[in-house]
C-alpha atoms as a PDB file:
ATOM      1  CA  MET A   1      25.342 -19.928   3.097  1.00  0.00           C
ATOM      2  CA  PHE A   2      27.719 -19.221   0.217  1.00  0.00           C
ATOM      3  CA  THR A   3      25.041 -20.125  -2.341  1.00  0.00           C
ATOM      4  CA  PHE A   4      22.558 -17.847  -0.634  1.00  0.00           C
ATOM      5  CA  LEU A   5      25.086 -15.009  -0.585  1.00  0.00           C
ATOM      6  CA  VAL A   6      25.795 -15.426  -4.289  1.00  0.00           C
ATOM      7  CA  ASN A   7      22.065 -15.470  -5.085  1.00  0.00           C
ATOM      8  CA  ARG A   8      21.420 -12.332  -3.039  1.00  0.00           C
ATOM      9  CA  LEU A   9      24.327 -10.503  -4.658  1.00  0.00           C
ATOM     10  CA  PHE A  10      23.056 -11.521  -8.080  1.00  0.00           C
ATOM     11  CA  GLN A  11      19.582 -10.219  -7.227  1.00  0.00           C
ATOM     12  CA  ALA A  12      21.137  -7.004  -5.913  1.00  0.00           C
ATOM     13  CA  LEU A  13      22.996  -6.530  -9.194  1.00  0.00           C
ATOM     14  CA  ILE A  14      19.761  -6.996 -11.160  1.00  0.00           C
ATOM     15  CA  VAL A  15      17.998  -4.383  -9.022  1.00  0.00           C
ATOM     16  CA  MET A  16      20.909  -1.954  -9.407  1.00  0.00           C
ATOM     17  CA  PHE A  17      20.819  -2.578 -13.168  1.00  0.00           C
ATOM     18  CA  VAL A  18      17.147  -1.553 -13.272  1.00  0.00           C
ATOM     19  CA  ILE A  19      17.883   1.498 -11.109  1.00  0.00           C
ATOM     20  CA  SER A  20      20.738   2.480 -13.419  1.00  0.00           C
ATOM     21  CA  LEU A  21      18.374   2.283 -16.413  1.00  0.00           C
ATOM     22  CA  VAL A  22      15.901   4.591 -14.666  1.00  0.00           C
ATOM     23  CA  ALA A  23      18.666   6.996 -13.650  1.00  0.00           C
ATOM     24  CA  PHE A  24      20.129   7.063 -17.148  1.00  0.00           C
ATOM     25  CA  ALA A  25      16.694   7.652 -18.659  1.00  0.00           C
ATOM     26  CA  ILE A  26      16.343  10.684 -16.373  1.00  0.00           C
ATOM     27  CA  GLN A  27      19.758  11.978 -17.355  1.00  0.00           C
ATOM     28  CA  ASP A  28      19.221  11.357 -21.059  1.00  0.00           C
ATOM     29  CA  ASN A  29      15.772  12.956 -21.276  1.00  0.00           C
ATOM     30  CA  LEU A  30      15.679  15.655 -18.604  1.00  0.00           C
ATOM     31  CA  GLY A  31      17.263  18.886 -19.714  1.00  0.00           C
ATOM     32  CA  ASP A  32      20.154  19.558 -22.063  1.00  0.00           C
ATOM     33  CA  PRO A  33      23.637  19.398 -20.486  1.00  0.00           C
ATOM     34  CA  LEU A  34      25.060  21.481 -23.318  1.00  0.00           C
ATOM     35  CA  ARG A  35      22.706  24.358 -22.497  1.00  0.00           C
ATOM     36  CA  GLU A  36      23.908  24.320 -18.903  1.00  0.00           C
ATOM     37  CA  MET A  37      27.519  24.373 -20.042  1.00  0.00           C
ATOM     38  CA  VAL A  38      27.526  27.039 -22.767  1.00  0.00           C
ATOM     39  CA  GLY A  39      24.275  28.990 -22.383  1.00  0.00           C
ATOM     40  CA  GLN A  40      22.502  30.569 -25.375  1.00  0.00           C
ATOM     41  CA  SER A  41      25.379  32.474 -27.009  1.00  0.00           C
ATOM     42  CA  VAL A  42      26.813  29.542 -28.982  1.00  0.00           C
ATOM     43  CA  SER A  43      25.714  28.950 -32.585  1.00  0.00           C
ATOM     44  CA  GLU A  44      23.914  25.782 -33.656  1.00  0.00           C
ATOM     45  CA  GLU A  45      26.925  24.585 -35.667  1.00  0.00           C
ATOM     46  CA  GLU A  46      29.194  24.954 -32.660  1.00  0.00           C
ATOM     47  CA  ARG A  47      26.627  23.163 -30.521  1.00  0.00           C
ATOM     48  CA  GLN A  48      26.622  20.168 -32.857  1.00  0.00           C
ATOM     49  CA  VAL A  49      30.418  20.001 -32.764  1.00  0.00           C
ATOM     50  CA  LEU A  50      30.363  20.107 -28.979  1.00  0.00           C
ATOM     51  CA  ARG A  51      27.658  17.443 -28.859  1.00  0.00           C
ATOM     52  CA  ASP A  52      29.812  15.176 -31.023  1.00  0.00           C
ATOM     53  CA  ASN A  53      32.882  15.835 -28.872  1.00  0.00           C
ATOM     54  CA  LEU A  54      30.959  15.113 -25.663  1.00  0.00           C
ATOM     55  CA  GLY A  55      29.404  11.973 -27.104  1.00  0.00           C
ATOM     56  CA  LEU A  56      25.859  13.293 -26.775  1.00  0.00           C
ATOM     57  CA  ASN A  57      25.026  12.121 -30.303  1.00  0.00           C
ATOM     58  CA  ASP A  58      26.280   8.589 -29.689  1.00  0.00           C
ATOM     59  CA  PRO A  59      23.848   5.631 -29.813  1.00  0.00           C
ATOM     60  CA  TYR A  60      21.800   4.980 -26.666  1.00  0.00           C
ATOM     61  CA  ILE A  61      23.688   1.777 -25.799  1.00  0.00           C
ATOM     62  CA  THR A  62      27.041   3.520 -26.110  1.00  0.00           C
ATOM     63  CA  LYS A  63      25.954   6.369 -23.855  1.00  0.00           C
ATOM     64  CA  TYR A  64      24.496   3.940 -21.309  1.00  0.00           C
ATOM     65  CA  ALA A  65      27.678   1.839 -21.240  1.00  0.00           C
ATOM     66  CA  ARG A  66      29.727   5.004 -20.686  1.00  0.00           C
ATOM     67  CA  PHE A  67      27.316   6.096 -17.932  1.00  0.00           C
ATOM     68  CA  VAL A  68      27.591   2.748 -16.103  1.00  0.00           C
ATOM     69  CA  GLY A  69      31.359   2.694 -16.489  1.00  0.00           C
ATOM     70  CA  ASN A  70      31.642   6.143 -14.915  1.00  0.00           C
ATOM     71  CA  ALA A  71      29.150   5.269 -12.162  1.00  0.00           C
ATOM     72  CA  VAL A  72      31.114   2.163 -11.165  1.00  0.00           C
ATOM     73  CA  GLN A  73      34.132   4.433 -10.691  1.00  0.00           C
ATOM     74  CA  GLY A  74      32.096   6.813  -8.514  1.00  0.00           C
ATOM     75  CA  ASP A  75      31.658   9.425 -11.242  1.00  0.00           C
ATOM     76  CA  LEU A  76      27.965  10.353 -11.370  1.00  0.00           C
ATOM     77  CA  GLY A  77      28.477  13.647 -13.158  1.00  0.00           C
ATOM     78  CA  THR A  78      29.071  17.217 -12.075  1.00  0.00           C
ATOM     79  CA  SER A  79      26.273  19.259 -10.493  1.00  0.00           C
ATOM     80  CA  TYR A  80      25.247  22.187 -12.710  1.00  0.00           C
ATOM     81  CA  PHE A  81      24.499  24.377  -9.706  1.00  0.00           C
ATOM     82  CA  PHE A  82      27.298  23.475  -7.279  1.00  0.00           C
ATOM     83  CA  LYS A  83      29.944  22.960 -10.006  1.00  0.00           C
ATOM     84  CA  ARG A  84      31.190  19.956  -8.029  1.00  0.00           C
ATOM     85  CA  PRO A  85      30.893  16.163  -8.449  1.00  0.00           C
ATOM     86  CA  ALA A  86      27.268  15.232  -7.694  1.00  0.00           C
ATOM     87  CA  LEU A  87      28.265  12.329  -5.448  1.00  0.00           C
ATOM     88  CA  GLU A  88      30.481  14.654  -3.415  1.00  0.00           C
ATOM     89  CA  VAL A  89      27.549  17.051  -2.890  1.00  0.00           C
ATOM     90  CA  ILE A  90      25.340  14.185  -1.667  1.00  0.00           C
ATOM     91  CA  LEU A  91      27.997  12.848   0.703  1.00  0.00           C
ATOM     92  CA  ASP A  92      28.446  16.345   2.152  1.00  0.00           C
ATOM     93  CA  LYS A  93      24.720  16.472   2.964  1.00  0.00           C
ATOM     94  CA  LEU A  94      24.467  12.868   4.138  1.00  0.00           C
ATOM     95  CA  PRO A  95      25.501  13.452   7.811  1.00  0.00           C
ATOM     96  CA  ALA A  96      22.531  15.780   8.332  1.00  0.00           C
ATOM     97  CA  THR A  97      20.144  13.167   6.939  1.00  0.00           C
ATOM     98  CA  LEU A  98      21.683  10.358   8.996  1.00  0.00           C
ATOM     99  CA  GLU A  99      21.192  12.486  12.121  1.00  0.00           C
ATOM    100  CA  LEU A 100      17.460  12.568  11.474  1.00  0.00           C
ATOM    101  CA  VAL A 101      17.329   8.839  10.749  1.00  0.00           C
ATOM    102  CA  PHE A 102      19.278   8.059  13.931  1.00  0.00           C
ATOM    103  CA  GLY A 103      17.031  10.258  16.073  1.00  0.00           C
ATOM    104  CA  ALA A 104      13.858   8.822  14.547  1.00  0.00           C
ATOM    105  CA  THR A 105      15.186   5.282  15.078  1.00  0.00           C
ATOM    106  CA  LEU A 106      15.780   5.942  18.775  1.00  0.00           C
ATOM    107  CA  ILE A 107      12.239   7.284  19.140  1.00  0.00           C
ATOM    108  CA  ILE A 108      10.801   4.210  17.413  1.00  0.00           C
ATOM    109  CA  ILE A 109      12.845   1.780  19.528  1.00  0.00           C
ATOM    110  CA  PHE A 110      12.039   3.370  22.877  1.00  0.00           C
ATOM    111  CA  LEU A 111       8.362   4.076  22.157  1.00  0.00           C
ATOM    112  CA  ALA A 112       7.003   1.655  19.554  1.00  0.00           C
ATOM    113  CA  ILE A 113       8.358  -1.539  21.104  1.00  0.00           C
ATOM    114  CA  PRO A 114       7.101  -0.867  24.685  1.00  0.00           C
ATOM    115  CA  LEU A 115       3.713   0.330  23.382  1.00  0.00           C
ATOM    116  CA  GLY A 116       3.370  -2.706  21.114  1.00  0.00           C
ATOM    117  CA  VAL A 117       4.289  -5.085  23.932  1.00  0.00           C
ATOM    118  CA  TYR A 118       1.902  -3.406  26.367  1.00  0.00           C
ATOM    119  CA  SER A 119      -1.006  -3.534  23.926  1.00  0.00           C
ATOM    120  CA  ALA A 120      -0.367  -7.255  23.346  1.00  0.00           C
ATOM    121  CA  ILE A 121      -0.107  -8.147  27.025  1.00  0.00           C
ATOM    122  CA  HIS A 122      -3.146  -6.023  27.954  1.00  0.00           C
ATOM    123  CA  PRO A 123      -5.349  -6.237  24.831  1.00  0.00           C
ATOM    124  CA  LYS A 124      -8.606  -5.044  26.422  1.00  0.00           C
ATOM    125  CA  THR A 125      -7.509  -2.053  28.481  1.00  0.00           C
ATOM    126  CA  THR A 126      -8.450   1.531  27.725  1.00  0.00           C
ATOM    127  CA  TRP A 127      -4.802   2.455  27.159  1.00  0.00           C
ATOM    128  CA  THR A 128      -4.488  -0.257  24.512  1.00  0.00           C
ATOM    129  CA  LYS A 129      -7.545   1.081  22.705  1.00  0.00           C
ATOM    130  CA  ILE A 130      -6.032   4.579  22.782  1.00  0.00           C
ATOM    131  CA  ILE A 131      -2.688   3.283  21.488  1.00  0.00           C
ATOM    132  CA  LEU A 132      -4.323   1.408  18.605  1.00  0.00           C
ATOM    133  CA  ALA A 133      -6.563   4.355  17.763  1.00  0.00           C
ATOM    134  CA  LEU A 134      -3.605   6.751  17.671  1.00  0.00           C
ATOM    135  CA  SER A 135      -1.582   4.307  15.565  1.00  0.00           C
ATOM    136  CA  SER A 136      -4.465   4.069  13.083  1.00  0.00           C
ATOM    137  CA  ILE A 137      -4.585   7.845  12.849  1.00  0.00           C
ATOM    138  CA  GLY A 138      -0.806   7.978  12.518  1.00  0.00           C
ATOM    139  CA  ILE A 139      -0.891   5.673   9.508  1.00  0.00           C
ATOM    140  CA  SER A 140      -3.391   7.976   7.792  1.00  0.00           C
ATOM    141  CA  VAL A 141      -1.720  11.336   8.471  1.00  0.00           C
ATOM    142  CA  PRO A 142       0.979  12.284   5.919  1.00  0.00           C
ATOM    143  CA  VAL A 143       4.350  13.221   7.339  1.00  0.00           C
ATOM    144  CA  PHE A 144       4.309  16.778   5.998  1.00  0.00           C
ATOM    145  CA  LEU A 145       1.040  17.455   7.841  1.00  0.00           C
ATOM    146  CA  THR A 146       2.492  16.047  11.052  1.00  0.00           C
ATOM    147  CA  ALA A 147       5.553  18.240  10.589  1.00  0.00           C
ATOM    148  CA  ILE A 148       3.476  21.371  10.016  1.00  0.00           C
ATOM    149  CA  MET A 149       1.268  20.657  13.053  1.00  0.00           C
ATOM    150  CA  LEU A 150       4.305  20.119  15.283  1.00  0.00           C
ATOM    151  CA  MET A 151       5.931  23.271  13.971  1.00  0.00           C
ATOM    152  CA  TYR A 152       2.779  25.323  14.541  1.00  0.00           C
ATOM    153  CA  LEU A 153       2.250  24.032  18.089  1.00  0.00           C
ATOM    154  CA  PHE A 154       5.773  23.862  19.524  1.00  0.00           C
ATOM    155  CA  ALA A 155       7.597  26.492  17.468  1.00  0.00           C
ATOM    156  CA  ILE A 156       4.970  29.143  16.738  1.00  0.00           C
ATOM    157  CA  GLU A 157       2.349  28.915  19.481  1.00  0.00           C
ATOM    158  CA  LEU A 158       4.445  27.725  22.431  1.00  0.00           C
ATOM    159  CA  ASN A 159       7.804  28.972  21.133  1.00  0.00           C
ATOM    160  CA  TRP A 160       9.581  26.060  22.834  1.00  0.00           C
ATOM    161  CA  LEU A 161      11.564  24.730  19.895  1.00  0.00           C
ATOM    162  CA  PRO A 162      13.151  26.148  16.718  1.00  0.00           C
ATOM    163  CA  SER A 163      11.120  25.733  13.550  1.00  0.00           C
ATOM    164  CA  TYR A 164      13.767  25.314  10.857  1.00  0.00           C
ATOM    165  CA  GLY A 165      17.442  24.751  10.151  1.00  0.00           C
ATOM    166  CA  ARG A 166      20.022  22.444  11.647  1.00  0.00           C
ATOM    167  CA  GLY A 167      21.302  24.648  14.442  1.00  0.00           C
ATOM    168  CA  GLU A 168      24.803  24.692  15.890  1.00  0.00           C
ATOM    169  CA  THR A 169      26.985  21.693  15.054  1.00  0.00           C
ATOM    170  CA  MET A 170      30.279  20.335  16.336  1.00  0.00           C
ATOM    171  CA  ASN A 171      32.996  18.729  14.219  1.00  0.00           C
ATOM    172  CA  ILE A 172      34.137  15.337  15.495  1.00  0.00           C
ATOM    173  CA  LEU A 173      36.849  13.719  13.358  1.00  0.00           C
ATOM    174  CA  GLY A 174      35.483  15.445  10.273  1.00  0.00           C
ATOM    175  CA  TRP A 175      31.837  14.589  11.053  1.00  0.00           C
ATOM    176  CA  GLU A 176      29.524  17.544  11.642  1.00  0.00           C
ATOM    177  CA  THR A 177      26.889  16.679  14.249  1.00  0.00           C
ATOM    178  CA  GLY A 178      24.259  18.562  16.201  1.00  0.00           C
ATOM    179  CA  TYR A 179      23.952  15.882  18.892  1.00  0.00           C
ATOM    180  CA  LEU A 180      26.773  17.405  20.930  1.00  0.00           C
ATOM    181  CA  THR A 181      25.367  20.934  21.221  1.00  0.00           C
ATOM    182  CA  LYS A 182      22.238  22.164  23.003  1.00  0.00           C
ATOM    183  CA  ASP A 183      21.124  24.228  19.994  1.00  0.00           C
ATOM    184  CA  GLY A 184      21.668  21.277  17.675  1.00  0.00           C
ATOM    185  CA  LEU A 185      19.610  18.958  19.882  1.00  0.00           C
ATOM    186  CA  LEU A 186      16.753  21.452  20.064  1.00  0.00           C
ATOM    187  CA  HIS A 187      16.709  21.695  16.258  1.00  0.00           C
ATOM    188  CA  LEU A 188      16.636  17.898  15.988  1.00  0.00           C
ATOM    189  CA  ILE A 189      13.558  17.254  18.141  1.00  0.00           C
ATOM    190  CA  LEU A 190      10.736  18.253  15.802  1.00  0.00           C
ATOM    191  CA  PRO A 191      12.202  16.788  12.562  1.00  0.00           C
ATOM    192  CA  CYS A 192      13.037  13.498  14.303  1.00  0.00           C
ATOM    193  CA  ILE A 193       9.530  13.169  15.757  1.00  0.00           C
ATOM    194  CA  SER A 194       8.032  13.934  12.343  1.00  0.00           C
ATOM    195  CA  LEU A 195      10.201  11.340  10.627  1.00  0.00           C
ATOM    196  CA  ALA A 196       9.490   8.746  13.329  1.00  0.00           C
ATOM    197  CA  SER A 197       5.747   9.284  12.863  1.00  0.00           C
ATOM    198  CA  ILE A 198       5.988   7.537   9.489  1.00  0.00           C
ATOM    199  CA  MET A 199       7.194   4.246  10.967  1.00  0.00           C
ATOM    200  CA  MET A 200       5.838   4.414  14.529  1.00  0.00           C
ATOM    201  CA  PRO A 201       2.306   3.074  13.812  1.00  0.00           C
ATOM    202  CA  LEU A 202       3.734   0.271  11.666  1.00  0.00           C
ATOM    203  CA  PHE A 203       6.103  -0.897  14.393  1.00  0.00           C
ATOM    204  CA  ILE A 204       3.521  -0.646  17.180  1.00  0.00           C
ATOM    205  CA  ARG A 205       1.138  -2.874  15.255  1.00  0.00           C
ATOM    206  CA  LEU A 206       3.916  -5.203  14.093  1.00  0.00           C
ATOM    207  CA  VAL A 207       5.248  -5.731  17.620  1.00  0.00           C
ATOM    208  CA  ARG A 208       1.709  -6.227  18.934  1.00  0.00           C
ATOM    209  CA  SER A 209       0.709  -8.774  16.283  1.00  0.00           C
ATOM    210  CA  GLU A 210       3.962 -10.745  16.638  1.00  0.00           C
ATOM    211  CA  MET A 211       3.715 -10.665  20.431  1.00  0.00           C
ATOM    212  CA  LEU A 212       0.116 -11.905  20.338  1.00  0.00           C
ATOM    213  CA  GLU A 213       1.125 -14.740  18.039  1.00  0.00           C
ATOM    214  CA  VAL A 214       3.987 -15.768  20.319  1.00  0.00           C
ATOM    215  CA  LEU A 215       1.779 -15.543  23.435  1.00  0.00           C
ATOM    216  CA  SER A 216      -0.659 -17.982  21.843  1.00  0.00           C
ATOM    217  CA  SER A 217       2.086 -20.506  21.021  1.00  0.00           C
ATOM    218  CA  GLU A 218       2.366 -23.872  22.775  1.00  0.00           C
ATOM    219  CA  TYR A 219       5.667 -23.233  24.551  1.00  0.00           C
ATOM    220  CA  VAL A 220       4.255 -20.085  26.213  1.00  0.00           C
ATOM    221  CA  LYS A 221       1.187 -22.030  27.343  1.00  0.00           C
ATOM    222  CA  PHE A 222       3.521 -24.702  28.693  1.00  0.00           C
ATOM    223  CA  ALA A 223       5.570 -22.065  30.553  1.00  0.00           C
ATOM    224  CA  LYS A 224       2.386 -20.728  32.145  1.00  0.00           C
ATOM    225  CA  ALA A 225       1.339 -24.246  33.090  1.00  0.00           C
ATOM    226  CA  LYS A 226       4.701 -24.747  34.829  1.00  0.00           C
ATOM    227  CA  GLY A 227       3.927 -21.696  36.948  1.00  0.00           C
ATOM    228  CA  LEU A 228       6.649 -19.380  35.639  1.00  0.00           C
ATOM    229  CA  VAL A 229       6.388 -15.726  36.645  1.00  0.00           C
ATOM    230  CA  SER A 230       4.367 -13.743  34.081  1.00  0.00           C
ATOM    231  CA  ASN A 231       7.056 -11.092  33.588  1.00  0.00           C
ATOM    232  CA  LYS A 232       9.629 -13.786  32.839  1.00  0.00           C
ATOM    233  CA  ILE A 233       7.311 -15.344  30.265  1.00  0.00           C
ATOM    234  CA  TYR A 234       6.511 -12.015  28.642  1.00  0.00           C
ATOM    235  CA  TYR A 235       9.923 -10.345  28.574  1.00  0.00           C
ATOM    236  CA  GLN A 236      12.382 -13.234  28.553  1.00  0.00           C
ATOM    237  CA  HIS A 237      10.654 -15.793  26.363  1.00  0.00           C
ATOM    238  CA  ALA A 238       7.905 -14.104  24.333  1.00  0.00           C
ATOM    239  CA  LEU A 239       9.594 -10.760  23.612  1.00  0.00           C
ATOM    240  CA  LYS A 240      12.827 -12.466  22.590  1.00  0.00           C
ATOM    241  CA  ASN A 241      11.020 -14.455  19.877  1.00  0.00           C
ATOM    242  CA  THR A 242       8.935 -11.442  18.868  1.00  0.00           C
ATOM    243  CA  MET A 243      12.016  -9.384  18.023  1.00  0.00           C
ATOM    244  CA  LEU A 244      13.267 -11.507  15.099  1.00  0.00           C
ATOM    245  CA  PRO A 245      10.647 -10.451  12.519  1.00  0.00           C
ATOM    246  CA  VAL A 246      10.643  -6.959  14.012  1.00  0.00           C
ATOM    247  CA  LEU A 247      14.401  -6.685  13.481  1.00  0.00           C
ATOM    248  CA  THR A 248      14.006  -7.912   9.912  1.00  0.00           C
ATOM    249  CA  VAL A 249      11.331  -5.390   9.002  1.00  0.00           C
ATOM    250  CA  GLY A 250      13.036  -2.708  11.074  1.00  0.00           C
ATOM    251  CA  GLY A 251      16.339  -3.079   9.304  1.00  0.00           C
ATOM    252  CA  VAL A 252      14.703  -2.566   5.934  1.00  0.00           C
ATOM    253  CA  GLN A 253      12.421   0.276   7.029  1.00  0.00           C
ATOM    254  CA  ILE A 254      15.117   2.202   8.879  1.00  0.00           C
ATOM    255  CA  GLY A 255      17.295   1.972   5.784  1.00  0.00           C
ATOM    256  CA  THR A 256      14.515   3.344   3.622  1.00  0.00           C
ATOM    257  CA  MET A 257      14.036   6.299   5.970  1.00  0.00           C
ATOM    258  CA  VAL A 258      17.026   7.887   4.242  1.00  0.00           C
ATOM    259  CA  ALA A 259      14.695   8.439   1.279  1.00  0.00           C
ATOM    260  CA  TYR A 260      11.647   9.268   3.438  1.00  0.00           C
ATOM    261  CA  THR A 261      13.412  12.342   4.823  1.00  0.00           C
ATOM    262  CA  ILE A 262      12.545  14.382   1.710  1.00  0.00           C
ATOM    263  CA  LEU A 263       9.292  15.902   3.010  1.00  0.00           C
ATOM    264  CA  THR A 264      10.544  16.261   6.585  1.00  0.00           C
ATOM    265  CA  GLU A 265      13.691  18.060   5.443  1.00  0.00           C
ATOM    266  CA  THR A 266      11.669  20.309   3.152  1.00  0.00           C
ATOM    267  CA  VAL A 267       9.238  21.431   5.867  1.00  0.00           C
ATOM    268  CA  PHE A 268      11.997  22.104   8.402  1.00  0.00           C
ATOM    269  CA  GLN A 269      14.505  23.401   5.824  1.00  0.00           C
ATOM    270  CA  TRP A 270      16.904  20.721   7.012  1.00  0.00           C
ATOM    271  CA  PRO A 271      20.077  20.731   4.868  1.00  0.00           C
ATOM    272  CA  GLY A 272      20.158  17.021   4.080  1.00  0.00           C
ATOM    273  CA  THR A 273      20.080  14.856   0.966  1.00  0.00           C
ATOM    274  CA  GLY A 274      16.279  14.977   0.614  1.00  0.00           C
ATOM    275  CA  PHE A 275      16.189  18.762   0.699  1.00  0.00           C
ATOM    276  CA  ILE A 276      19.026  19.048  -1.818  1.00  0.00           C
ATOM    277  CA  PHE A 277      17.211  16.547  -4.073  1.00  0.00           C
ATOM    278  CA  LEU A 278      14.081  18.709  -4.250  1.00  0.00           C
ATOM    279  CA  GLU A 279      16.232  21.760  -4.922  1.00  0.00           C
ATOM    280  CA  ALA A 280      17.933  19.833  -7.737  1.00  0.00           C
ATOM    281  CA  ILE A 281      14.518  19.102  -9.270  1.00  0.00           C
ATOM    282  CA  ASN A 282      13.557  22.780  -9.117  1.00  0.00           C
ATOM    283  CA  ARG A 283      16.844  23.738 -10.790  1.00  0.00           C
ATOM    284  CA  VAL A 284      16.723  20.807 -13.254  1.00  0.00           C
ATOM    285  CA  ASP A 285      20.157  19.802 -11.959  1.00  0.00           C
ATOM    286  CA  THR A 286      20.113  16.472 -13.819  1.00  0.00           C
ATOM    287  CA  PRO A 287      23.435  14.999 -12.601  1.00  0.00           C
ATOM    288  CA  LEU A 288      22.462  15.632  -8.973  1.00  0.00           C
ATOM    289  CA  ILE A 289      19.012  14.075  -9.497  1.00  0.00           C
ATOM    290  CA  THR A 290      20.594  11.036 -11.140  1.00  0.00           C
ATOM    291  CA  ALA A 291      23.210  10.678  -8.416  1.00  0.00           C
ATOM    292  CA  TYR A 292      20.533  10.819  -5.708  1.00  0.00           C
ATOM    293  CA  VAL A 293      18.412   8.125  -7.403  1.00  0.00           C
ATOM    294  CA  ILE A 294      21.391   5.773  -7.688  1.00  0.00           C
ATOM    295  CA  PHE A 295      22.641   6.532  -4.176  1.00  0.00           C
ATOM    296  CA  VAL A 296      19.272   5.895  -2.506  1.00  0.00           C
ATOM    297  CA  GLY A 297      18.756   2.796  -4.640  1.00  0.00           C
ATOM    298  CA  LEU A 298      22.122   1.475  -3.482  1.00  0.00           C
ATOM    299  CA  ILE A 299      21.123   2.070   0.149  1.00  0.00           C
ATOM    300  CA  PHE A 300      17.883   0.106  -0.388  1.00  0.00           C
ATOM    301  CA  VAL A 301      19.674  -2.811  -2.016  1.00  0.00           C
ATOM    302  CA  THR A 302      22.503  -2.918   0.523  1.00  0.00           C
ATOM    303  CA  THR A 303      20.138  -2.721   3.504  1.00  0.00           C
ATOM    304  CA  ASN A 304      17.901  -5.501   2.187  1.00  0.00           C
ATOM    305  CA  THR A 305      20.868  -7.757   1.457  1.00  0.00           C
ATOM    306  CA  ILE A 306      22.423  -7.240   4.902  1.00  0.00           C
ATOM    307  CA  VAL A 307      19.089  -7.823   6.664  1.00  0.00           C
ATOM    308  CA  ASP A 308      18.521 -11.073   4.746  1.00  0.00           C
ATOM    309  CA  LEU A 309      21.988 -12.323   5.682  1.00  0.00           C
ATOM    310  CA  LEU A 310      21.588 -11.337   9.340  1.00  0.00           C
ATOM    311  CA  TYR A 311      18.198 -13.039   9.488  1.00  0.00           C
ATOM    312  CA  GLY A 312      19.794 -16.334   8.575  1.00  0.00           C
ATOM    313  CA  VAL A 313      22.596 -15.819  11.093  1.00  0.00           C
ATOM    314  CA  ILE A 314      20.299 -14.755  13.969  1.00  0.00           C
ATOM    315  CA  ASN A 315      17.774 -17.522  13.366  1.00  0.00           C
ATOM    316  CA  PRO A 316      19.522 -20.839  12.607  1.00  0.00           C
ATOM    317  CA  THR A 317      16.167 -22.524  11.890  1.00  0.00           C
ATOM    318  CA  VAL A 318      15.753 -20.459   8.705  1.00  0.00           C
ATOM    319  CA  ASP A 319      16.793 -22.323   5.579  1.00  0.00           C
ATOM    320  CA  ILE A 320      18.751 -19.623   3.769  1.00  0.00           C
ATOM    321  CA  THR A 321      20.097 -22.093   1.212  1.00  0.00           C
ATOM    322  CA  GLY A 322      16.641 -22.494  -0.308  1.00  0.00           C
ATOM    323  CA  LYS A 323      17.088 -26.292  -0.564  1.00  0.00           C
ATOM    324  CA  GLY A 324      14.427 -27.147   2.028  1.00  0.00           C
ATOM    325  CA  ALA A 325      14.469 -30.113   4.350  1.00  0.00           C
END
């Protein structure tokens, strides 16, 4: 276990190293920080002096080492637009993004798993064919189109739900949330459904395929031969063994939804990290762009590492040491 943990942490460091190179390349080549600081009124001679003082003329390796050293300390630069530390801006917007991810996760859990199980248990019914057809369509439809269609139908035509914004929030121990107000919940419905539509078809098909594989296994056939009740076989034995790979994939995919919120937040003008990232691109706010890339990369790496460790803990038959039998 310890060897596996060390190996995973080493791999995580390599990935973060690559991400830091990409982020630094963005910062070093996108825009001129001096222009954002002093504008156009400073002479070229004064600019060169300032560039020397700020270390902008230093060798690439020196600038990269300074960038990594600052990043390790949590200093990812100061946003040109907000005039605040870029990481602080992202953390301020993070609760809104996590609200969407949480809502989308609940929708996936309470819809995708039952639909996947049903389509595996009843593979030839009309409802199963409809479920699989809709999941195929869902895979093909981009999230921004889903968001626009939902907005047009439920916000514009039917006028049932709000079309943009976060709505009223309540502060709980410093955490702003819309889950505790009626207006906040109404604003959450459409964005959460849109975000869930990205992963829903994947999970329906994943649960179905894993369930079908388990149902065809020898121990399930033996349980049927013993005369066990079908529901007990399906939901106590088969579903339990189906959930392990689903949890593994789900942990990774739900973590990556933090990055997938970009288009959803843009369509619904949701004030989260994805929306602020696109605004940073439009404003060429390089420190904020860099901070977002590193932050999302860290979420990916952390989520994958935790899921790998949990997989070994949940399933003792998995050889996480890599030594084999």
